[in-house]
Protein backbone atom coordinates (compact mmCIF):
# COMPACT_ATOMS: atom_id res chain seq x y z
CA UNK A 1 18.12 4.37 -5.30
CA UNK A 2 15.17 6.47 -4.56
CA UNK A 3 14.40 8.64 -1.46
CA UNK A 4 14.34 6.94 1.79
CA UNK A 5 12.83 8.38 5.13
CA UNK A 6 14.95 8.85 8.11
CA UNK A 7 12.53 6.55 10.00
CA UNK A 8 13.35 3.74 7.35
CA UNK A 9 16.95 4.44 7.05
CA UNK A 10 17.87 4.30 10.66
CA UNK A 11 15.17 1.72 11.82
CA UNK A 12 16.73 -0.91 13.97
CA UNK A 13 17.19 -4.20 11.80
CA UNK A 14 17.09 -6.71 14.80
CA UNK A 15 15.07 -6.66 18.14
CA UNK A 16 18.56 -6.36 20.01
CA UNK A 17 19.30 -3.09 18.37
CA UNK A 18 15.94 -1.45 18.94
CA UNK A 19 14.58 -3.01 22.28
CA UNK A 20 16.34 -1.62 25.49
CA UNK A 21 15.13 -3.02 28.92
CA UNK A 22 11.89 -4.36 27.18
CA UNK A 23 12.58 -8.24 27.16
CA UNK A 24 8.82 -8.75 27.71
CA UNK A 25 8.12 -7.08 24.40
CA UNK A 26 10.77 -8.97 22.49
CA UNK A 27 9.33 -12.41 23.86
CA UNK A 28 5.78 -11.37 22.83
CA UNK A 29 6.96 -10.28 19.32
CA UNK A 30 9.13 -13.20 18.71
CA UNK A 31 6.37 -15.65 19.90
CA UNK A 32 3.92 -14.06 17.64
CA UNK A 33 6.35 -14.27 14.65
CA UNK A 34 7.12 -17.90 15.50
CA UNK A 35 3.52 -18.82 15.61
CA UNK A 36 2.53 -16.67 12.51
CA UNK A 37 0.11 -14.81 14.44
CA UNK A 38 1.23 -11.11 13.94
CA UNK A 39 -1.49 -8.51 14.82
CA UNK A 40 -2.21 -5.24 12.80
CA UNK A 41 -1.16 -3.01 15.93
CA UNK A 42 0.15 -3.19 19.42
CA UNK A 43 -0.19 -0.91 22.48
CA UNK A 44 2.61 -1.63 25.10
CA UNK A 45 2.13 0.48 28.27
CA UNK A 46 3.99 0.45 31.54
CA UNK A 47 3.10 2.38 34.81
CA UNK A 48 6.07 4.70 34.00
CA UNK A 49 8.50 5.64 31.27
CA UNK A 50 6.47 4.57 28.40
CA UNK A 51 6.55 6.18 25.13
């Protein structure tokens, strides 16, 4: 096996593993995957605690 970056090695495998208190993001991404309408990039912002 070749070298693997830490970001790839520890990347969440499911939305449940990686999204905490971000249910709206999960719904948006699941619907776009379901409809085969995935975009090149996303910007999710909130009034506070974004990052």
